[in-house]
N, C-alpha and C. Protein backbone atom coordinates (compact mmCIF):
# COMPACT_ATOMS: atom_id res chain seq x y z
N MET A 1 -5.00 13.51 37.09
CA MET A 1 -4.08 13.18 35.64
C MET A 1 -4.03 11.92 35.41
N LYS A 2 -3.91 11.77 34.26
CA LYS A 2 -4.37 10.54 33.59
C LYS A 2 -3.07 9.97 33.18
N VAL A 3 -2.98 8.64 33.46
CA VAL A 3 -1.24 8.08 33.17
C VAL A 3 -1.38 7.08 31.73
N ASP A 4 -0.74 7.60 30.89
CA ASP A 4 -0.69 6.78 30.01
C ASP A 4 -0.22 5.30 30.12
N SER A 5 -0.73 4.25 30.16
CA SER A 5 -0.43 3.11 30.34
C SER A 5 0.27 2.25 29.39
N ARG A 6 0.65 2.82 28.29
CA ARG A 6 1.08 2.45 27.07
C ARG A 6 2.85 2.55 27.28
N VAL A 7 3.30 3.21 27.94
CA VAL A 7 4.88 3.46 28.09
C VAL A 7 5.20 3.02 29.51
N PRO A 8 5.98 1.77 29.17
CA PRO A 8 6.67 1.04 30.38
C PRO A 8 7.43 1.93 31.14
N ILE A 9 7.21 1.79 32.48
CA ILE A 9 7.81 2.47 33.47
C ILE A 9 9.03 2.03 33.80
N LEU A 10 9.21 0.67 34.08
CA LEU A 10 10.76 0.00 34.19
C LEU A 10 11.59 0.81 33.27
N PRO A 11 11.60 0.17 32.04
CA PRO A 11 12.77 0.57 31.03
C PRO A 11 13.12 1.98 30.84
N THR A 12 11.95 2.89 31.21
CA THR A 12 12.18 4.61 31.34
C THR A 12 13.30 4.72 32.59
N LEU A 13 12.77 3.90 33.89
CA LEU A 13 13.57 4.46 34.86
C LEU A 13 14.91 3.93 35.01
N VAL A 14 15.48 2.73 34.31
CA VAL A 14 16.64 2.28 34.12
C VAL A 14 17.16 3.02 33.24
N ILE A 15 16.71 3.61 32.09
CA ILE A 15 17.30 4.44 31.41
C ILE A 15 18.00 5.83 32.29
N ALA A 16 16.84 6.29 32.85
CA ALA A 16 17.28 7.45 33.22
C ALA A 16 18.49 7.67 34.23
N ILE A 17 18.28 6.27 35.22
CA ILE A 17 19.37 5.96 36.38
C ILE A 17 20.63 5.80 35.63
N ALA A 18 20.79 5.18 34.45
CA ALA A 18 21.91 5.15 33.73
C ALA A 18 22.36 6.41 33.28
N CYS A 19 21.69 7.21 32.70
CA CYS A 19 22.06 8.58 32.28
C CYS A 19 22.54 9.40 33.20
N ILE A 20 21.81 9.58 34.70
CA ILE A 20 22.43 10.13 35.56
C ILE A 20 23.89 9.65 36.03
N GLY A 21 23.95 8.24 36.19
CA GLY A 21 25.15 7.73 36.25
C GLY A 21 26.53 8.27 35.57
N ILE A 22 26.21 8.18 34.14
CA ILE A 22 27.09 8.63 33.18
C ILE A 22 27.37 10.12 33.60
N ILE A 23 26.75 11.00 33.62
CA ILE A 23 26.88 12.20 33.86
C ILE A 23 27.75 12.56 35.09
N ILE A 24 26.99 11.90 36.25
CA ILE A 24 28.09 12.14 37.14
C ILE A 24 29.48 11.35 37.24
N THR A 25 29.55 10.37 36.43
CA THR A 25 31.07 9.93 36.54
C THR A 25 31.92 10.96 35.46
N ALA A 26 30.95 11.42 34.29
CA ALA A 26 31.70 12.24 33.17
C ALA A 26 32.38 13.50 33.86
N THR A 27 31.64 14.21 34.88
CA THR A 27 32.03 15.55 35.41
C THR A 27 32.76 15.30 36.91
N GLY A 28 33.28 13.93 37.22
CA GLY A 28 33.79 13.94 38.21
C GLY A 28 33.71 14.07 39.56
N CYS A 29 32.31 14.15 39.74
CA CYS A 29 31.54 14.31 41.04
C CYS A 29 31.46 13.08 42.01
N LEU A 30 31.81 12.03 41.36
CA LEU A 30 31.70 11.14 42.39
C LEU A 30 33.23 10.43 42.08
N HIS A 31 34.18 10.24 43.50
CA HIS A 31 35.72 9.55 43.45
C HIS A 31 35.34 8.16 43.82
N LEU A 32 35.01 7.11 43.12
CA LEU A 32 35.10 5.71 43.69
C LEU A 32 36.04 5.28 44.43
N SER A 33 37.20 5.88 44.54
CA SER A 33 38.60 5.63 45.09
C SER A 33 38.13 5.96 46.78
N GLY A 34 37.42 7.00 46.92
CA GLY A 34 37.06 7.47 48.25
C GLY A 34 38.16 8.67 48.47
N VAL A 35 39.16 9.07 47.66
CA VAL A 35 40.26 10.15 47.82
C VAL A 35 39.54 11.30 46.89
N THR A 36 39.50 12.46 47.85
CA THR A 36 38.77 13.81 46.95
C THR A 36 40.10 14.20 46.28
N GLU A 37 40.20 14.34 44.87
CA GLU A 37 41.00 15.15 43.99
C GLU A 37 41.02 16.48 44.54
N GLU A 38 42.05 17.45 44.76
CA GLU A 38 41.66 18.50 44.75
C GLU A 38 43.24 19.36 44.25
N LYS A 39 43.15 20.43 43.54
CA LYS A 39 43.79 21.18 42.82
C LYS A 39 44.69 21.79 43.85
N ILE A 40 46.03 21.75 44.23
CA ILE A 40 46.44 22.70 45.14
C ILE A 40 47.38 23.80 44.39
N ASP A 41 47.15 24.94 44.63
CA ASP A 41 48.08 26.03 43.57
C ASP A 41 49.22 26.64 45.07
N TRP A 42 50.30 25.93 44.82
CA TRP A 42 51.29 26.22 45.68
C TRP A 42 52.59 26.00 44.97
N ASN A 43 53.77 27.05 45.26
CA ASN A 43 55.08 26.83 44.49
C ASN A 43 55.95 26.64 45.73
N LEU A 44 56.90 25.84 45.27
CA LEU A 44 58.17 25.70 46.22
C LEU A 44 59.15 25.98 45.32
N THR A 45 60.03 27.11 46.06
CA THR A 45 61.15 27.89 45.33
C THR A 45 62.40 27.12 46.02
N LEU A 46 63.22 26.73 44.98
CA LEU A 46 64.60 25.73 45.49
C LEU A 46 65.57 26.55 44.82
N VAL A 47 66.87 27.08 45.83
CA VAL A 47 67.89 27.77 45.62
C VAL A 47 69.11 27.31 46.09
N GLY A 48 69.71 27.12 45.03
CA GLY A 48 71.30 26.48 45.26
C GLY A 48 72.37 27.24 44.18
N ASP A 49 72.82 26.29 43.35
CA ASP A 49 73.74 27.00 42.13
C ASP A 49 72.82 27.49 41.12
N GLU A 50 71.50 27.01 41.08
CA GLU A 50 70.69 27.73 40.00
C GLU A 50 69.36 27.55 41.13
N GLU A 51 68.42 28.31 40.72
CA GLU A 51 67.10 28.70 41.41
C GLU A 51 66.07 27.73 40.31
N MET A 52 65.06 27.14 40.93
CA MET A 52 63.70 26.35 40.52
C MET A 52 62.58 26.39 41.13
N VAL A 53 61.62 26.55 40.49
CA VAL A 53 60.39 26.88 40.89
C VAL A 53 59.51 25.62 40.70
N LEU A 54 58.89 25.02 41.91
CA LEU A 54 58.15 23.90 41.32
C LEU A 54 56.91 23.68 41.80
N SER A 55 55.99 23.33 41.17
CA SER A 55 54.50 23.37 41.46
C SER A 55 54.21 21.89 42.42
N PHE A 56 53.35 21.97 43.34
CA PHE A 56 52.55 20.97 44.39
C PHE A 56 52.48 19.41 43.03
N ASP A 57 52.09 19.39 42.10
CA ASP A 57 52.23 18.43 41.07
C ASP A 57 53.47 18.09 40.65
N ASP A 58 54.65 18.98 40.31
CA ASP A 58 55.65 18.69 40.27
C ASP A 58 56.30 17.82 41.21
N ILE A 59 56.31 18.20 42.67
CA ILE A 59 56.71 17.59 43.64
C ILE A 59 56.05 16.37 43.81
N THR A 60 54.73 15.96 43.59
CA THR A 60 54.10 14.70 43.93
C THR A 60 54.46 13.75 42.88
N ALA A 61 54.73 14.16 41.82
CA ALA A 61 55.26 13.15 40.95
C ALA A 61 56.89 12.87 40.74
N MET A 62 57.45 13.18 41.70
CA MET A 62 59.15 13.13 41.98
C MET A 62 59.34 11.57 42.80
N PRO A 63 60.12 11.13 42.92
CA PRO A 63 60.36 9.88 43.45
C PRO A 63 59.96 10.10 45.09
N SER A 64 59.46 9.31 45.81
CA SER A 64 59.13 9.37 46.96
C SER A 64 59.56 8.64 48.17
N TYR A 65 59.46 9.16 49.18
CA TYR A 65 59.95 8.25 50.66
C TYR A 65 58.37 8.36 51.59
N THR A 66 58.34 6.79 51.88
CA THR A 66 57.38 6.83 52.97
C THR A 66 57.92 6.16 54.07
N GLY A 67 57.59 7.04 55.51
CA GLY A 67 58.27 6.47 56.64
C GLY A 67 57.34 7.14 57.82
N ARG A 68 57.71 6.80 59.01
CA ARG A 68 57.03 7.07 60.24
C ARG A 68 57.80 8.01 60.98
N GLY A 69 57.19 9.06 61.61
CA GLY A 69 57.68 9.92 62.46
C GLY A 69 56.43 10.63 63.32
N GLY A 70 57.22 11.06 64.32
CA GLY A 70 56.20 12.14 64.82
C GLY A 70 57.10 13.29 65.56
N PHE A 71 56.36 14.24 66.35
CA PHE A 71 57.08 15.19 66.97
C PHE A 71 56.60 15.66 68.30
N PHE A 72 57.25 16.40 69.27
CA PHE A 72 56.83 16.77 70.03
C PHE A 72 57.31 18.20 70.31
N SER A 73 56.12 18.88 70.92
CA SER A 73 56.49 20.66 71.24
C SER A 73 57.31 20.76 72.50
N THR A 74 57.71 22.29 72.51
CA THR A 74 58.83 22.53 73.65
C THR A 74 57.97 22.26 75.18
N VAL A 75 56.61 22.12 75.15
CA VAL A 75 55.90 21.67 76.43
C VAL A 75 55.54 20.36 76.37
N GLY A 76 56.04 19.62 75.42
CA GLY A 76 55.93 18.36 75.87
C GLY A 76 54.48 17.46 75.03
N MET A 77 54.05 18.47 74.39
CA MET A 77 52.58 17.97 73.57
C MET A 77 53.02 16.86 72.44
N LYS A 78 52.35 15.93 72.43
CA LYS A 78 53.02 14.74 71.30
C LYS A 78 51.81 14.91 69.97
N TYR A 79 52.57 14.85 68.67
CA TYR A 79 51.88 14.76 67.51
C TYR A 79 52.29 13.42 66.65
N GLY A 80 51.55 12.45 66.52
CA GLY A 80 51.80 11.36 65.97
C GLY A 80 52.26 10.16 66.67
N PRO A 81 52.87 9.24 66.41
CA PRO A 81 53.40 9.32 64.93
C PRO A 81 52.56 9.04 63.84
N PHE A 82 53.03 9.64 62.63
CA PHE A 82 52.24 9.21 61.56
C PHE A 82 53.01 8.61 60.20
N GLU A 83 52.16 8.36 59.41
CA GLU A 83 52.93 7.75 58.28
C GLU A 83 52.90 9.17 57.29
N CYS A 84 54.28 9.04 57.00
CA CYS A 84 54.47 10.35 56.18
C CYS A 84 55.14 9.85 54.71
N LYS A 85 54.46 10.69 53.62
CA LYS A 85 54.87 10.37 52.26
C LYS A 85 55.18 11.53 51.82
N GLY A 86 56.61 11.65 50.93
CA GLY A 86 56.96 13.05 50.51
C GLY A 86 58.16 12.85 49.72
N ALA A 87 58.77 14.21 49.21
CA ALA A 87 60.08 13.91 48.70
C ALA A 87 61.17 14.25 49.27
N PRO A 88 62.21 13.52 49.40
CA PRO A 88 63.28 13.33 49.98
C PRO A 88 64.08 14.69 50.08
N ILE A 89 64.15 15.76 50.61
CA ILE A 89 64.78 16.70 50.93
C ILE A 89 66.27 17.00 50.24
N GLU A 90 66.96 15.99 50.39
CA GLU A 90 68.23 16.06 49.55
C GLU A 90 68.27 15.56 48.28
N TYR A 91 67.06 14.78 47.77
CA TYR A 91 66.73 14.61 46.37
C TYR A 91 66.59 16.13 45.77
N LEU A 92 65.54 16.94 46.49
CA LEU A 92 65.39 18.28 46.01
C LEU A 92 66.51 18.99 45.91
N CYS A 93 67.51 19.22 47.08
CA CYS A 93 68.55 19.72 46.63
C CYS A 93 69.46 19.36 45.83
N ASP A 94 69.46 18.17 45.03
CA ASP A 94 70.57 17.53 44.22
C ASP A 94 70.03 18.34 42.70
N LEU A 95 68.54 18.68 42.70
CA LEU A 95 68.19 19.41 41.44
C LEU A 95 68.42 20.56 41.22
N VAL A 96 69.02 21.29 42.11
CA VAL A 96 69.67 22.75 42.08
C VAL A 96 71.32 22.76 42.54
N GLY A 97 71.81 21.87 42.53
CA GLY A 97 73.38 21.60 42.60
C GLY A 97 74.16 20.90 43.85
N GLY A 98 73.02 20.26 44.52
CA GLY A 98 73.47 19.55 46.02
C GLY A 98 74.03 19.98 46.77
N ILE A 99 74.66 19.22 47.71
CA ILE A 99 74.85 19.56 49.21
C ILE A 99 76.44 19.05 49.01
N ASP A 100 77.33 19.84 50.03
CA ASP A 100 78.47 19.20 50.51
C ASP A 100 78.34 19.50 52.09
N GLU A 101 79.85 19.10 52.60
CA GLU A 101 79.85 19.17 53.95
C GLU A 101 79.83 20.56 54.56
N SER A 102 80.03 21.47 53.93
CA SER A 102 80.11 22.91 54.37
C SER A 102 78.38 23.52 54.12
N SER A 103 77.59 22.81 53.75
CA SER A 103 76.34 23.24 53.09
C SER A 103 75.29 23.35 54.55
N THR A 104 74.59 24.47 54.22
CA THR A 104 73.40 24.57 55.11
C THR A 104 72.28 24.57 54.20
N ILE A 105 71.20 23.76 55.16
CA ILE A 105 69.67 24.48 54.22
C ILE A 105 68.91 24.96 55.06
N TRP A 106 68.33 26.61 54.38
CA TRP A 106 67.40 27.19 54.97
C TRP A 106 66.02 26.92 54.35
N ILE A 107 65.09 26.33 55.38
CA ILE A 107 63.67 26.02 55.13
C ILE A 107 62.90 27.20 55.61
N SER A 108 61.96 27.43 54.79
CA SER A 108 61.19 28.79 55.46
C SER A 108 59.61 28.45 54.72
N ALA A 109 58.79 29.31 55.60
CA ALA A 109 57.25 29.12 55.06
C ALA A 109 56.90 30.71 54.95
N PRO A 110 56.19 31.06 54.14
CA PRO A 110 55.45 32.42 54.56
C PRO A 110 55.07 33.15 55.40
N ASP A 111 55.06 32.42 56.73
CA ASP A 111 54.87 33.12 57.87
C ASP A 111 55.85 33.81 58.43
N GLY A 112 56.93 33.49 57.87
CA GLY A 112 58.39 33.89 58.53
C GLY A 112 59.12 32.84 59.08
N TYR A 113 58.39 31.67 59.45
CA TYR A 113 59.25 30.82 60.16
C TYR A 113 60.42 30.21 59.28
N MET A 114 61.53 29.81 59.84
CA MET A 114 62.60 29.40 58.98
C MET A 114 63.45 28.30 60.12
N MET A 115 63.76 27.48 59.61
CA MET A 115 64.89 26.51 60.13
C MET A 115 65.86 26.12 59.52
N VAL A 116 67.18 26.20 59.95
CA VAL A 116 68.45 25.97 59.39
C VAL A 116 68.90 24.52 59.52
N PHE A 117 69.12 23.90 58.68
CA PHE A 117 69.65 22.12 58.92
C PHE A 117 70.84 22.42 58.27
N ASP A 118 72.01 21.78 59.30
CA ASP A 118 73.49 21.76 59.07
C ASP A 118 73.88 20.65 58.37
N TYR A 119 74.55 20.45 57.69
CA TYR A 119 75.11 19.17 56.85
C TYR A 119 74.71 17.73 57.89
N ASP A 120 75.03 17.73 59.04
CA ASP A 120 74.61 16.60 59.80
C ASP A 120 73.57 15.96 60.09
N GLN A 121 72.37 17.00 60.22
CA GLN A 121 71.03 17.17 60.10
C GLN A 121 70.28 16.73 58.72
N ILE A 122 70.84 17.02 57.78
CA ILE A 122 70.57 17.19 56.41
C ILE A 122 70.60 15.49 55.94
N LYS A 123 71.70 14.89 56.89
CA LYS A 123 72.12 13.05 56.55
C LYS A 123 71.37 12.75 57.49
N CYS A 124 70.55 13.13 58.39
CA CYS A 124 69.74 12.63 59.49
C CYS A 124 70.46 12.58 60.72
N ASP A 125 71.18 13.06 61.02
CA ASP A 125 71.63 12.64 62.49
C ASP A 125 71.02 13.76 63.39
N PHE A 126 70.26 12.97 63.94
CA PHE A 126 68.90 13.74 65.00
C PHE A 126 68.73 12.88 66.30
N ASN A 127 68.33 13.69 67.27
CA ASN A 127 68.27 12.76 68.45
C ASN A 127 66.55 12.32 68.05
N THR A 128 66.23 11.35 68.67
CA THR A 128 64.93 10.41 68.47
C THR A 128 64.48 9.98 69.90
N PHE A 129 63.28 10.28 69.96
CA PHE A 129 62.94 9.73 71.26
C PHE A 129 61.52 8.82 70.96
N ASP A 130 61.29 8.02 71.95
CA ASP A 130 60.19 7.13 72.60
C ASP A 130 58.80 7.65 72.18
N PRO A 131 57.87 7.23 71.56
CA PRO A 131 56.63 7.80 71.78
C PRO A 131 56.05 8.06 72.92
N GLU A 132 56.06 6.91 73.74
CA GLU A 132 55.31 6.49 74.77
C GLU A 132 55.71 7.53 75.93
N ASP A 133 57.10 7.58 76.17
CA ASP A 133 57.60 8.43 77.54
C ASP A 133 58.69 9.33 76.97
N LEU A 134 58.96 9.66 75.81
CA LEU A 134 59.69 10.79 75.36
C LEU A 134 61.30 10.51 75.92
N ARG A 135 61.63 9.15 76.08
CA ARG A 135 62.94 9.00 76.52
C ARG A 135 63.89 8.63 75.47
N GLU A 136 65.06 9.51 75.33
CA GLU A 136 65.82 9.23 73.86
C GLU A 136 66.26 7.71 73.73
N VAL A 137 66.02 7.60 72.52
CA VAL A 137 66.21 6.28 71.84
C VAL A 137 67.16 6.23 70.90
N PRO A 138 67.88 5.07 70.52
CA PRO A 138 68.72 5.02 69.21
C PRO A 138 67.37 4.80 67.87
N HIS A 139 68.19 4.98 66.88
CA HIS A 139 67.26 4.93 66.01
C HIS A 139 68.12 4.39 64.59
N GLY A 140 67.26 3.98 63.71
CA GLY A 140 67.83 3.40 62.55
C GLY A 140 68.17 4.60 61.62
N ASP A 141 68.02 3.97 60.19
CA ASP A 141 67.95 4.94 59.32
C ASP A 141 66.69 5.99 59.11
N LEU A 142 67.11 7.39 58.99
CA LEU A 142 66.23 8.27 58.89
C LEU A 142 66.17 8.92 57.68
N LYS A 143 65.17 9.77 57.42
CA LYS A 143 65.12 10.49 56.13
C LYS A 143 64.23 11.77 56.47
N LEU A 144 64.89 12.86 56.12
CA LEU A 144 64.39 14.32 55.90
C LEU A 144 63.72 14.29 54.64
N ILE A 145 62.23 14.44 54.81
CA ILE A 145 61.51 14.68 53.56
C ILE A 145 60.65 15.81 53.71
N LEU A 146 60.13 16.42 52.31
CA LEU A 146 58.93 17.32 52.46
C LEU A 146 57.78 16.70 52.13
N THR A 147 56.99 16.63 53.44
CA THR A 147 55.97 15.82 53.51
C THR A 147 54.68 16.32 52.60
N TYR A 148 53.72 15.50 52.07
CA TYR A 148 52.64 16.10 51.24
C TYR A 148 51.50 15.18 51.59
N GLU A 149 52.01 13.98 52.11
CA GLU A 149 50.65 13.20 52.78
C GLU A 149 50.85 12.49 54.03
N GLN A 150 49.95 12.52 54.72
CA GLN A 150 49.72 11.87 56.05
C GLN A 150 48.93 11.10 56.22
N ASP A 151 49.20 9.95 56.93
CA ASP A 151 48.38 8.70 56.97
C ASP A 151 47.32 8.62 55.69
N GLY A 152 48.09 8.23 54.65
CA GLY A 152 47.27 8.06 53.40
C GLY A 152 46.47 9.24 52.81
N LYS A 153 46.51 10.24 53.30
CA LYS A 153 45.33 11.31 52.98
C LYS A 153 46.50 12.54 52.60
N LEU A 154 45.90 13.62 51.88
CA LEU A 154 46.67 14.91 52.02
C LEU A 154 46.90 15.43 53.17
N LEU A 155 47.94 16.06 53.10
CA LEU A 155 48.37 16.61 54.74
C LEU A 155 47.39 17.77 54.95
N PRO A 156 46.76 17.31 56.09
CA PRO A 156 45.88 18.39 56.53
C PRO A 156 46.47 19.94 56.41
N GLU A 157 45.56 20.95 56.31
CA GLU A 157 45.98 22.27 56.30
C GLU A 157 46.51 22.89 57.51
N ASN A 158 46.13 22.50 58.60
CA ASN A 158 46.55 23.02 59.45
C ASN A 158 47.61 22.48 60.04
N ASP A 159 47.84 21.10 59.61
CA ASP A 159 49.32 20.52 59.86
C ASP A 159 50.38 21.04 58.93
N GLY A 160 49.97 21.99 57.84
CA GLY A 160 50.99 22.38 57.14
C GLY A 160 50.96 22.27 55.64
N ARG A 161 49.68 21.96 55.15
CA ARG A 161 49.14 21.51 53.69
C ARG A 161 49.82 22.88 53.07
N PRO A 162 50.61 22.82 51.81
CA PRO A 162 50.82 21.68 51.35
C PRO A 162 51.93 20.85 51.61
N PHE A 163 53.08 21.20 52.26
CA PHE A 163 54.43 20.96 52.35
C PHE A 163 54.68 21.15 54.26
N ARG A 164 55.35 20.10 54.53
CA ARG A 164 55.66 20.10 56.12
C ARG A 164 56.90 18.92 55.72
N VAL A 165 58.06 19.45 56.62
CA VAL A 165 59.14 19.09 56.56
C VAL A 165 59.05 17.71 57.98
N SER A 166 59.14 16.80 57.62
CA SER A 166 59.07 15.71 58.40
C SER A 166 60.36 14.84 58.57
N ILE A 167 60.82 14.34 59.72
CA ILE A 167 61.83 13.26 60.12
C ILE A 167 61.53 11.97 60.20
N VAL A 168 61.46 10.96 58.97
CA VAL A 168 60.85 9.59 59.23
C VAL A 168 61.91 8.15 59.22
N GLY A 169 61.44 7.36 59.68
CA GLY A 169 61.91 5.89 59.37
C GLY A 169 61.10 5.38 59.25
N GLU A 170 61.57 3.93 59.59
CA GLU A 170 60.69 2.59 59.40
C GLU A 170 60.15 2.36 61.07
N GLU A 171 60.48 3.01 62.24
CA GLU A 171 60.21 2.79 63.31
C GLU A 171 59.23 4.06 63.89
N ASP A 172 58.45 3.81 64.83
CA ASP A 172 57.45 4.78 65.42
C ASP A 172 58.60 5.63 66.16
N LEU A 173 59.09 7.00 65.88
CA LEU A 173 59.72 7.65 66.91
C LEU A 173 59.43 8.96 66.95
N MET A 174 59.79 9.91 67.76
CA MET A 174 59.54 11.16 67.80
C MET A 174 60.71 12.13 67.42
N THR A 175 60.82 13.26 67.16
CA THR A 175 61.77 14.48 66.84
C THR A 175 61.23 15.54 67.73
N GLU A 176 62.39 16.70 67.83
CA GLU A 176 61.70 17.88 68.13
C GLU A 176 60.92 18.29 67.13
N GLY A 177 59.76 19.12 67.47
CA GLY A 177 58.97 19.70 66.74
C GLY A 177 59.45 21.13 66.21
N SER A 178 60.35 21.63 66.35
CA SER A 178 60.77 22.66 65.70
C SER A 178 61.28 22.68 64.48
N TYR A 179 61.89 21.21 64.09
CA TYR A 179 62.49 21.03 62.51
C TYR A 179 61.28 20.61 61.58
N TRP A 180 60.04 20.44 62.19
CA TRP A 180 58.92 20.32 61.27
C TRP A 180 57.78 21.64 60.75
N VAL A 181 58.80 21.96 59.98
CA VAL A 181 58.73 23.42 59.57
C VAL A 181 57.02 22.93 58.65
N LYS A 182 56.39 23.84 58.78
CA LYS A 182 54.72 24.02 57.99
C LYS A 182 54.78 24.55 56.87
N TRP A 183 53.90 24.57 55.96
CA TRP A 183 53.81 25.31 54.70
C TRP A 183 55.16 26.03 54.10
N VAL A 184 55.87 25.02 53.88
CA VAL A 184 57.37 25.29 53.33
C VAL A 184 57.14 25.81 51.79
N ASP A 185 57.66 27.24 51.82
CA ASP A 185 57.77 27.57 50.28
C ASP A 185 58.74 27.68 49.90
N ARG A 186 60.18 27.52 50.27
CA ARG A 186 61.23 27.98 50.03
C ARG A 186 62.35 26.90 50.73
N ILE A 187 63.25 26.37 50.02
CA ILE A 187 64.73 25.57 50.23
C ILE A 187 65.76 26.13 49.79
N GLU A 188 66.68 26.69 50.62
CA GLU A 188 67.87 27.38 49.91
C GLU A 188 69.01 26.68 50.49
N ILE A 189 70.03 26.25 49.71
CA ILE A 189 71.00 26.05 50.18
C ILE A 189 72.28 26.72 50.12
N LYS A 190 73.06 26.80 51.49
CA LYS A 190 73.83 28.24 51.68
C LYS A 190 75.44 27.66 51.93
């Protein structure tokens, strides 16, 4: 095969690489931030004085709270503490009429798991435990949130993606795992 020496190879190569870079960037195949964008098709139903259905994108666009928390299982296995980011559950309740001292919140998942939170728990009156030895310890301000990010990334699927209830604050504390409902799809005020 004969090579035509009249075509300069270097400028042609530079143009080809530039075109490939433009195509990759335009199609979104390269995420320079290192965070993979993912479309999550999930709805959360809020029921109170009225009913509202919110998408994952609706929830992540709301005011959020970031705090630290972890949980332990009934057999003492520890998970976390994690840095959790999510929408405050009390804020979500306010969207459908809010809560009062007689309110309970029923939070459920499609697998049938449900946890009922009384008013004091909604206001974050929980027993908290030291992550090292699980001794009960006092706590500062806590928040009950609907977590969608854990440790700076989308909540892992096996940890409840897209939404999990978390009890978080400024310190590394643990709470009982039964409160950390995974795969939340419904919050109902009764």
